[in-house]
Every structure is written in structure tokens, then in C-alpha cells.
Amino acid sequence: MSGATVSAILTALIQVLLILGLSPLVNTLLKKWKANLQGRQGPPWLQGYFDLLKYFRKETVISDQASWLFLLTPLVVFTTVCAASMLIP
């Protein structure tokens, strides 16, 4: 592999990690801004990360009637977001 290829791959991976790592902070920032416009205080700065931890600890509940598409959809959405973030320069 040439140096340019390795550099491009490394840049894309860093970009994906930044997008995945900072998205809860951006979500919290928008909620704080909306609350500020309404004259309220809003959530703490790290609330998005606290919510993610809470959601990852929850048990998955799947109906007996759920199809394979129900199980595959979160993976497809996550992969699409990662792929789209690698395409942005």
C-alpha cells in the first residue's frame, strides 16, 4: 500500500470515529439551545452519553412475530451512516 492510501484510510477512520463520538454531544447542544430559547436550563452537557449508556444496558425485547428484517435494520442504518461519513471530505 502506498502512503497516500494509508493516509486516506486513516483519515476516513478518524472521521467516522469523530462523527460517532461527537454526535451525542451535538444532540445535547441542540437540546440545550432549544431549552435556552424557551427560557429553560436544558440538559447537562454529557446527557447524550448518559442516555447512550442507559440504552446499551437495556435488554433487547423482540416479538416472536418479528421478521429477519426487524433484526437487520439497525445494522443497515449504522453501516449506512458510517459509509456516508467516510464519503464526506
PDB file of N, CA and C in Angstrom:
ATOM      1  N   MET A   1       0.843  -1.182   0.000  1.00  0.00           N
ATOM      2  CA  MET A   1       0.000   0.000   0.000  1.00  0.00           C
ATOM      3  C   MET A   1       0.886   1.242   0.000  1.00  0.00           C
ATOM      4  N   SER A   2       0.464   2.212  -0.756  1.00  0.00           N
ATOM      5  CA  SER A   2       1.232   3.447  -0.792  1.00  0.00           C
ATOM      6  C   SER A   2       0.870   4.314   0.403  1.00  0.00           C
ATOM      7  N   GLY A   3       1.691   5.299   0.656  1.00  0.00           N
ATOM      8  CA  GLY A   3       1.472   6.188   1.795  1.00  0.00           C
ATOM      9  C   GLY A   3       0.183   6.977   1.677  1.00  0.00           C
ATOM     10  N   ALA A   4      -0.177   7.328   0.446  1.00  0.00           N
ATOM     11  CA  ALA A   4      -1.405   8.101   0.239  1.00  0.00           C
ATOM     12  C   ALA A   4      -2.640   7.271   0.568  1.00  0.00           C
ATOM     13  N   THR A   5      -2.602   5.993   0.226  1.00  0.00           N
ATOM     14  CA  THR A   5      -3.736   5.114   0.506  1.00  0.00           C
ATOM     15  C   THR A   5      -3.915   4.920   2.002  1.00  0.00           C
ATOM     16  N   VAL A   6      -2.812   4.688   2.704  1.00  0.00           N
ATOM     17  CA  VAL A   6      -2.881   4.507   4.154  1.00  0.00           C
ATOM     18  C   VAL A   6      -3.372   5.780   4.813  1.00  0.00           C
ATOM     19  N   SER A   7      -2.901   6.921   4.324  1.00  0.00           N
ATOM     20  CA  SER A   7      -3.332   8.205   4.879  1.00  0.00           C
ATOM     21  C   SER A   7      -4.831   8.426   4.659  1.00  0.00           C
ATOM     22  N   ALA A   8      -5.322   8.057   3.480  1.00  0.00           N
ATOM     23  CA  ALA A   8      -6.749   8.223   3.182  1.00  0.00           C
ATOM     24  C   ALA A   8      -7.600   7.316   4.065  1.00  0.00           C
ATOM     25  N   ILE A   9      -7.158   6.085   4.261  1.00  0.00           N
ATOM     26  CA  ILE A   9      -7.906   5.152   5.115  1.00  0.00           C
ATOM     27  C   ILE A   9      -7.910   5.629   6.553  1.00  0.00           C
ATOM     28  N   LEU A  10      -6.758   6.096   7.020  1.00  0.00           N
ATOM     29  CA  LEU A  10      -6.666   6.595   8.391  1.00  0.00           C
ATOM     30  C   LEU A  10      -7.537   7.828   8.590  1.00  0.00           C
ATOM     31  N   THR A  11      -7.549   8.708   7.613  1.00  0.00           N
ATOM     32  CA  THR A  11      -8.394   9.903   7.689  1.00  0.00           C
ATOM     33  C   THR A  11      -9.875   9.529   7.739  1.00  0.00           C
ATOM     34  N   ALA A  12     -10.275   8.561   6.927  1.00  0.00           N
ATOM     35  CA  ALA A  12     -11.673   8.134   6.909  1.00  0.00           C
ATOM     36  C   ALA A  12     -12.062   7.511   8.249  1.00  0.00           C
ATOM     37  N   LEU A  13     -11.186   6.700   8.826  1.00  0.00           N
ATOM     38  CA  LEU A  13     -11.498   6.077  10.120  1.00  0.00           C
ATOM     39  C   LEU A  13     -11.593   7.105  11.233  1.00  0.00           C
ATOM     40  N   ILE A  14     -10.695   8.079  11.222  1.00  0.00           N
ATOM     41  CA  ILE A  14     -10.757   9.144  12.232  1.00  0.00           C
ATOM     42  C   ILE A  14     -12.038   9.936  12.072  1.00  0.00           C
ATOM     43  N   GLN A  15     -12.429  10.183  10.842  1.00  0.00           N
ATOM     44  CA  GLN A  15     -13.654  10.927  10.580  1.00  0.00           C
ATOM     45  C   GLN A  15     -14.880  10.168  11.092  1.00  0.00           C
ATOM     46  N   VAL A  16     -14.932   8.865  10.865  1.00  0.00           N
ATOM     47  CA  VAL A  16     -16.056   8.054  11.355  1.00  0.00           C
ATOM     48  C   VAL A  16     -16.084   8.074  12.886  1.00  0.00           C
ATOM     49  N   LEU A  17     -14.931   7.905  13.515  1.00  0.00           N
ATOM     50  CA  LEU A  17     -14.873   7.920  14.981  1.00  0.00           C
ATOM     51  C   LEU A  17     -15.297   9.269  15.547  1.00  0.00           C
ATOM     52  N   LEU A  18     -14.908  10.359  14.893  1.00  0.00           N
ATOM     53  CA  LEU A  18     -15.328  11.678  15.346  1.00  0.00           C
ATOM     54  C   LEU A  18     -16.841  11.862  15.221  1.00  0.00           C
ATOM     55  N   ILE A  19     -17.388  11.419  14.103  1.00  0.00           N
ATOM     56  CA  ILE A  19     -18.833  11.573  13.910  1.00  0.00           C
ATOM     57  C   ILE A  19     -19.606  10.732  14.925  1.00  0.00           C
ATOM     58  N   LEU A  20     -19.182   9.496  15.136  1.00  0.00           N
ATOM     59  CA  LEU A  20     -19.877   8.641  16.103  1.00  0.00           C
ATOM     60  C   LEU A  20     -19.663   9.141  17.536  1.00  0.00           C
ATOM     61  N   GLY A  21     -18.489   9.680  17.820  1.00  0.00           N
ATOM     62  CA  GLY A  21     -18.189  10.125  19.173  1.00  0.00           C
ATOM     63  C   GLY A  21     -18.795  11.460  19.532  1.00  0.00           C
ATOM     64  N   LEU A  22     -18.931  12.355  18.562  1.00  0.00           N
ATOM     65  CA  LEU A  22     -19.437  13.695  18.854  1.00  0.00           C
ATOM     66  C   LEU A  22     -20.931  13.862  18.608  1.00  0.00           C
ATOM     67  N   SER A  23     -21.567  12.896  17.967  1.00  0.00           N
ATOM     68  CA  SER A  23     -22.998  13.052  17.677  1.00  0.00           C
ATOM     69  C   SER A  23     -23.864  13.173  18.934  1.00  0.00           C
ATOM     70  N   PRO A  24     -23.594  12.446  20.033  1.00  0.00           N
ATOM     71  CA  PRO A  24     -24.396  12.683  21.232  1.00  0.00           C
ATOM     72  C   PRO A  24     -24.202  14.095  21.794  1.00  0.00           C
ATOM     73  N   LEU A  25     -22.999  14.637  21.656  1.00  0.00           N
ATOM     74  CA  LEU A  25     -22.736  15.993  22.142  1.00  0.00           C
ATOM     75  C   LEU A  25     -23.491  17.026  21.308  1.00  0.00           C
ATOM     76  N   VAL A  26     -23.537  16.823  19.998  1.00  0.00           N
ATOM     77  CA  VAL A  26     -24.271  17.741  19.125  1.00  0.00           C
ATOM     78  C   VAL A  26     -25.766  17.674  19.435  1.00  0.00           C
ATOM     79  N   ASN A  27     -26.280  16.481  19.682  1.00  0.00           N
ATOM     80  CA  ASN A  27     -27.686  16.319  20.034  1.00  0.00           C
ATOM     81  C   ASN A  27     -28.002  17.066  21.332  1.00  0.00           C
ATOM     82  N   THR A  28     -27.114  16.941  22.322  1.00  0.00           N
ATOM     83  CA  THR A  28     -27.311  17.636  23.595  1.00  0.00           C
ATOM     84  C   THR A  28     -27.224  19.137  23.392  1.00  0.00           C
ATOM     85  N   LEU A  29     -26.300  19.586  22.547  1.00  0.00           N
ATOM     86  CA  LEU A  29     -26.161  21.014  22.267  1.00  0.00           C
ATOM     87  C   LEU A  29     -27.443  21.585  21.667  1.00  0.00           C
ATOM     88  N   LEU A  30     -28.053  20.849  20.745  1.00  0.00           N
ATOM     89  CA  LEU A  30     -29.313  21.302  20.151  1.00  0.00           C
ATOM     90  C   LEU A  30     -30.435  21.356  21.189  1.00  0.00           C
ATOM     91  N   LYS A  31     -30.463  20.369  22.091  1.00  0.00           N
ATOM     92  CA  LYS A  31     -31.486  20.371  23.138  1.00  0.00           C
ATOM     93  C   LYS A  31     -31.279  21.525  24.107  1.00  0.00           C
ATOM     94  N   LYS A  32     -30.020  21.823  24.443  1.00  0.00           N
ATOM     95  CA  LYS A  32     -29.733  22.954  25.321  1.00  0.00           C
ATOM     96  C   LYS A  32     -30.119  24.274  24.655  1.00  0.00           C
ATOM     97  N   TRP A  33     -29.840  24.394  23.374  1.00  0.00           N
ATOM     98  CA  TRP A  33     -30.163  25.610  22.645  1.00  0.00           C
ATOM     99  C   TRP A  33     -31.678  25.812  22.583  1.00  0.00           C
ATOM    100  N   LYS A  34     -32.406  24.739  22.316  1.00  0.00           N
ATOM    101  CA  LYS A  34     -33.870  24.815  22.265  1.00  0.00           C
ATOM    102  C   LYS A  34     -34.437  25.200  23.632  1.00  0.00           C
ATOM    103  N   ALA A  35     -33.875  24.603  24.691  1.00  0.00           N
ATOM    104  CA  ALA A  35     -34.339  24.943  26.036  1.00  0.00           C
ATOM    105  C   ALA A  35     -34.009  26.386  26.370  1.00  0.00           C
ATOM    106  N   ASN A  36     -32.857  26.865  25.957  1.00  0.00           N
ATOM    107  CA  ASN A  36     -32.465  28.242  26.213  1.00  0.00           C
ATOM    108  C   ASN A  36     -33.417  29.213  25.514  1.00  0.00           C
ATOM    109  N   LEU A  37     -33.827  28.873  24.305  1.00  0.00           N
ATOM    110  CA  LEU A  37     -34.774  29.717  23.587  1.00  0.00           C
ATOM    111  C   LEU A  37     -36.133  29.767  24.289  1.00  0.00           C
ATOM    112  N   GLN A  38     -36.452  28.719  25.040  1.00  0.00           N
ATOM    113  CA  GLN A  38     -37.715  28.675  25.775  1.00  0.00           C
ATOM    114  C   GLN A  38     -37.568  29.176  27.206  1.00  0.00           C
ATOM    115  N   GLY A  39     -36.374  29.652  27.571  1.00  0.00           N
ATOM    116  CA  GLY A  39     -36.151  30.199  28.900  1.00  0.00           C
ATOM    117  C   GLY A  39     -35.887  29.137  29.960  1.00  0.00           C
ATOM    118  N   ARG A  40     -35.480  27.949  29.536  1.00  0.00           N
ATOM    119  CA  ARG A  40     -35.176  26.881  30.479  1.00  0.00           C
ATOM    120  C   ARG A  40     -33.677  26.604  30.464  1.00  0.00           C
ATOM    121  N   GLN A  41     -33.217  25.775  31.393  1.00  0.00           N
ATOM    122  CA  GLN A  41     -31.794  25.480  31.513  1.00  0.00           C
ATOM    123  C   GLN A  41     -31.335  24.418  30.525  1.00  0.00           C
ATOM    124  N   GLY A  42     -32.098  23.380  30.334  1.00  0.00           N
ATOM    125  CA  GLY A  42     -31.723  22.317  29.421  1.00  0.00           C
ATOM    126  C   GLY A  42     -30.955  21.206  30.109  1.00  0.00           C
ATOM    127  N   PRO A  43     -30.625  20.156  29.357  1.00  0.00           N
ATOM    128  CA  PRO A  43     -29.939  19.007  29.946  1.00  0.00           C
ATOM    129  C   PRO A  43     -28.459  19.305  30.208  1.00  0.00           C
ATOM    130  N   PRO A  44     -27.813  18.486  31.055  1.00  0.00           N
ATOM    131  CA  PRO A  44     -26.363  18.641  31.238  1.00  0.00           C
ATOM    132  C   PRO A  44     -25.616  18.319  29.940  1.00  0.00           C
ATOM    133  N   TRP A  45     -24.397  18.808  29.813  1.00  0.00           N
ATOM    134  CA  TRP A  45     -23.630  18.659  28.575  1.00  0.00           C
ATOM    135  C   TRP A  45     -23.391  17.204  28.185  1.00  0.00           C
ATOM    136  N   LEU A  46     -23.256  16.316  29.132  1.00  0.00           N
ATOM    137  CA  LEU A  46     -22.958  14.915  28.835  1.00  0.00           C
ATOM    138  C   LEU A  46     -24.203  14.033  28.813  1.00  0.00           C
ATOM    139  N   GLN A  47     -25.394  14.631  28.777  1.00  0.00           N
ATOM    140  CA  GLN A  47     -26.631  13.861  28.835  1.00  0.00           C
ATOM    141  C   GLN A  47     -26.756  12.871  27.685  1.00  0.00           C
ATOM    142  N   GLY A  48     -26.296  13.223  26.503  1.00  0.00           N
ATOM    143  CA  GLY A  48     -26.372  12.310  25.364  1.00  0.00           C
ATOM    144  C   GLY A  48     -25.587  11.031  25.595  1.00  0.00           C
ATOM    145  N   TYR A  49     -24.411  11.159  26.230  1.00  0.00           N
ATOM    146  CA  TYR A  49     -23.602   9.976  26.528  1.00  0.00           C
ATOM    147  C   TYR A  49     -24.239   9.142  27.640  1.00  0.00           C
ATOM    148  N   PHE A  50     -24.839   9.807  28.624  1.00  0.00           N
ATOM    149  CA  PHE A  50     -25.542   9.083  29.688  1.00  0.00           C
ATOM    150  C   PHE A  50     -26.710   8.293  29.113  1.00  0.00           C
ATOM    151  N   ASP A  51     -27.435   8.906  28.188  1.00  0.00           N
ATOM    152  CA  ASP A  51     -28.562   8.222  27.552  1.00  0.00           C
ATOM    153  C   ASP A  51     -28.094   7.007  26.751  1.00  0.00           C
ATOM    154  N   LEU A  52     -26.972   7.156  26.031  1.00  0.00           N
ATOM    155  CA  LEU A  52     -26.447   6.018  25.282  1.00  0.00           C
ATOM    156  C   LEU A  52     -26.081   4.864  26.198  1.00  0.00           C
ATOM    157  N   LEU A  53     -25.426   5.169  27.314  1.00  0.00           N
ATOM    158  CA  LEU A  53     -25.084   4.118  28.270  1.00  0.00           C
ATOM    159  C   LEU A  53     -26.328   3.418  28.794  1.00  0.00           C
ATOM    160  N   LYS A  54     -27.368   4.214  29.068  1.00  0.00           N
ATOM    161  CA  LYS A  54     -28.615   3.635  29.558  1.00  0.00           C
ATOM    162  C   LYS A  54     -29.235   2.712  28.513  1.00  0.00           C
ATOM    163  N   TYR A  55     -29.235   3.144  27.251  1.00  0.00           N
ATOM    164  CA  TYR A  55     -29.842   2.338  26.199  1.00  0.00           C
ATOM    165  C   TYR A  55     -29.049   1.064  25.924  1.00  0.00           C
ATOM    166  N   PHE A  56     -27.720   1.136  26.018  1.00  0.00           N
ATOM    167  CA  PHE A  56     -26.908  -0.064  25.785  1.00  0.00           C
ATOM    168  C   PHE A  56     -27.063  -1.084  26.906  1.00  0.00           C
ATOM    169  N   ARG A  57     -27.427  -0.632  28.092  1.00  0.00           N
ATOM    170  CA  ARG A  57     -27.613  -1.555  29.219  1.00  0.00           C
ATOM    171  C   ARG A  57     -28.978  -2.243  29.194  1.00  0.00           C
ATOM    172  N   LYS A  58     -29.927  -1.674  28.470  1.00  0.00           N
ATOM    173  CA  LYS A  58     -31.267  -2.245  28.434  1.00  0.00           C
ATOM    174  C   LYS A  58     -31.279  -3.577  27.698  1.00  0.00           C
ATOM    175  N   GLU A  59     -32.187  -4.422  28.127  1.00  0.00           N
ATOM    176  CA  GLU A  59     -32.353  -5.719  27.488  1.00  0.00           C
ATOM    177  C   GLU A  59     -33.144  -5.541  26.196  1.00  0.00           C
ATOM    178  N   THR A  60     -32.760  -6.253  25.176  1.00  0.00           N
ATOM    179  CA  THR A  60     -33.457  -6.187  23.898  1.00  0.00           C
ATOM    180  C   THR A  60     -34.749  -6.996  23.983  1.00  0.00           C
ATOM    181  N   VAL A  61     -35.850  -6.375  23.566  1.00  0.00           N
ATOM    182  CA  VAL A  61     -37.147  -7.048  23.563  1.00  0.00           C
ATOM    183  C   VAL A  61     -37.573  -7.222  22.107  1.00  0.00           C
ATOM    184  N   ILE A  62     -37.713  -8.467  21.695  1.00  0.00           N
ATOM    185  CA  ILE A  62     -38.086  -8.769  20.315  1.00  0.00           C
ATOM    186  C   ILE A  62     -39.307  -9.674  20.332  1.00  0.00           C
ATOM    187  N   SER A  63     -40.280  -9.310  19.561  1.00  0.00           N
ATOM    188  CA  SER A  63     -41.501 -10.101  19.460  1.00  0.00           C
ATOM    189  C   SER A  63     -41.224 -11.424  18.761  1.00  0.00           C
ATOM    190  N   ASP A  64     -42.031 -12.417  19.067  1.00  0.00           N
ATOM    191  CA  ASP A  64     -41.925 -13.703  18.387  1.00  0.00           C
ATOM    192  C   ASP A  64     -42.324 -13.578  16.918  1.00  0.00           C
ATOM    193  N   GLN A  65     -43.114 -12.575  16.615  1.00  0.00           N
ATOM    194  CA  GLN A  65     -43.605 -12.375  15.258  1.00  0.00           C
ATOM    195  C   GLN A  65     -42.665 -11.516  14.416  1.00  0.00           C
ATOM    196  N   ALA A  66     -41.549 -11.047  14.988  1.00  0.00           N
ATOM    197  CA  ALA A  66     -40.629 -10.177  14.262  1.00  0.00           C
ATOM    198  C   ALA A  66     -39.907 -10.945  13.163  1.00  0.00           C
ATOM    199  N   SER A  67     -39.753 -10.295  12.032  1.00  0.00           N
ATOM    200  CA  SER A  67     -39.077 -10.947  10.910  1.00  0.00           C
ATOM    201  C   SER A  67     -37.580 -10.658  10.956  1.00  0.00           C
ATOM    202  N   TRP A  68     -36.853 -11.253  10.035  1.00  0.00           N
ATOM    203  CA  TRP A  68     -35.418 -11.031   9.942  1.00  0.00           C
ATOM    204  C   TRP A  68     -35.118  -9.575   9.587  1.00  0.00           C
ATOM    205  N   LEU A  69     -36.043  -8.911   8.912  1.00  0.00           N
ATOM    206  CA  LEU A  69     -35.845  -7.514   8.538  1.00  0.00           C
ATOM    207  C   LEU A  69     -35.794  -6.619   9.775  1.00  0.00           C
ATOM    208  N   PHE A  70     -36.593  -6.943  10.770  1.00  0.00           N
ATOM    209  CA  PHE A  70     -36.602  -6.192  12.026  1.00  0.00           C
ATOM    210  C   PHE A  70     -35.244  -6.286  12.718  1.00  0.00           C
ATOM    211  N   LEU A  71     -34.605  -7.434  12.629  1.00  0.00           N
ATOM    212  CA  LEU A  71     -33.306  -7.634  13.265  1.00  0.00           C
ATOM    213  C   LEU A  71     -32.166  -7.011  12.457  1.00  0.00           C
ATOM    214  N   LEU A  72     -32.312  -6.940  11.154  1.00  0.00           N
ATOM    215  CA  LEU A  72     -31.258  -6.455  10.279  1.00  0.00           C
ATOM    216  C   LEU A  72     -31.243  -4.928  10.134  1.00  0.00           C
ATOM    217  N   THR A  73     -32.352  -4.266  10.335  1.00  0.00           N
ATOM    218  CA  THR A  73     -32.472  -2.837  10.082  1.00  0.00           C
ATOM    219  C   THR A  73     -31.486  -1.981  10.884  1.00  0.00           C
ATOM    220  N   PRO A  74     -31.296  -2.180  12.190  1.00  0.00           N
ATOM    221  CA  PRO A  74     -30.327  -1.335  12.902  1.00  0.00           C
ATOM    222  C   PRO A  74     -28.905  -1.454  12.350  1.00  0.00           C
ATOM    223  N   LEU A  75     -28.514  -2.646  11.949  1.00  0.00           N
ATOM    224  CA  LEU A  75     -27.189  -2.837  11.375  1.00  0.00           C
ATOM    225  C   LEU A  75     -27.053  -2.105  10.044  1.00  0.00           C
ATOM    226  N   VAL A  76     -28.088  -2.151   9.229  1.00  0.00           N
ATOM    227  CA  VAL A  76     -28.061  -1.472   7.938  1.00  0.00           C
ATOM    228  C   VAL A  76     -27.987   0.039   8.130  1.00  0.00           C
ATOM    229  N   VAL A  77     -28.754   0.575   9.065  1.00  0.00           N
ATOM    230  CA  VAL A  77     -28.737   2.016   9.316  1.00  0.00           C
ATOM    231  C   VAL A  77     -27.372   2.462   9.841  1.00  0.00           C
ATOM    232  N   PHE A  78     -26.810   1.718  10.779  1.00  0.00           N
ATOM    233  CA  PHE A  78     -25.499   2.055  11.332  1.00  0.00           C
ATOM    234  C   PHE A  78     -24.421   2.004  10.247  1.00  0.00           C
ATOM    235  N   THR A  79     -24.449   0.988   9.412  1.00  0.00           N
ATOM    236  CA  THR A  79     -23.476   0.857   8.332  1.00  0.00           C
ATOM    237  C   THR A  79     -23.623   1.984   7.320  1.00  0.00           C
ATOM    238  N   THR A  80     -24.847   2.372   7.030  1.00  0.00           N
ATOM    239  CA  THR A  80     -25.089   3.462   6.092  1.00  0.00           C
ATOM    240  C   THR A  80     -24.532   4.782   6.622  1.00  0.00           C
ATOM    241  N   VAL A  81     -24.745   5.058   7.901  1.00  0.00           N
ATOM    242  CA  VAL A  81     -24.223   6.288   8.495  1.00  0.00           C
ATOM    243  C   VAL A  81     -22.697   6.284   8.471  1.00  0.00           C
ATOM    244  N   CYS A  82     -22.083   5.163   8.795  1.00  0.00           N
ATOM    245  CA  CYS A  82     -20.613   5.076   8.763  1.00  0.00           C
ATOM    246  C   CYS A  82     -20.096   5.264   7.339  1.00  0.00           C
ATOM    247  N   ALA A  83     -20.733   4.638   6.365  1.00  0.00           N
ATOM    248  CA  ALA A  83     -20.295   4.772   4.982  1.00  0.00           C
ATOM    249  C   ALA A  83     -20.470   6.201   4.480  1.00  0.00           C
ATOM    250  N   ALA A  84     -21.575   6.829   4.821  1.00  0.00           N
ATOM    251  CA  ALA A  84     -21.808   8.208   4.403  1.00  0.00           C
ATOM    252  C   ALA A  84     -20.790   9.156   5.042  1.00  0.00           C
ATOM    253  N   SER A  85     -20.418   8.888   6.273  1.00  0.00           N
ATOM    254  CA  SER A  85     -19.442   9.773   6.928  1.00  0.00           C
ATOM    255  C   SER A  85     -18.052   9.615   6.316  1.00  0.00           C
ATOM    256  N   MET A  86     -17.748   8.467   5.740  1.00  0.00           N
ATOM    257  CA  MET A  86     -16.460   8.289   5.068  1.00  0.00           C
ATOM    258  C   MET A  86     -16.416   8.981   3.712  1.00  0.00           C
ATOM    259  N   LEU A  87     -17.563   9.246   3.114  1.00  0.00           N
ATOM    260  CA  LEU A  87     -17.601   9.880   1.805  1.00  0.00           C
ATOM    261  C   LEU A  87     -17.461  11.394   1.884  1.00  0.00           C
ATOM    262  N   ILE A  88     -17.730  11.959   3.049  1.00  0.00           N
ATOM    263  CA  ILE A  88     -17.642  13.413   3.200  1.00  0.00           C
ATOM    264  C   ILE A  88     -16.174  13.789   3.351  1.00  0.00           C
ATOM    265  N   PRO A  89     -15.692  14.727   2.532  1.00  0.00           N
ATOM    266  CA  PRO A  89     -14.267  15.107   2.634  1.00  0.00           C
ATOM    267  C   PRO A  89     -13.949  15.877   3.895  1.00  0.00           C
TER     268      PRO A  89
END
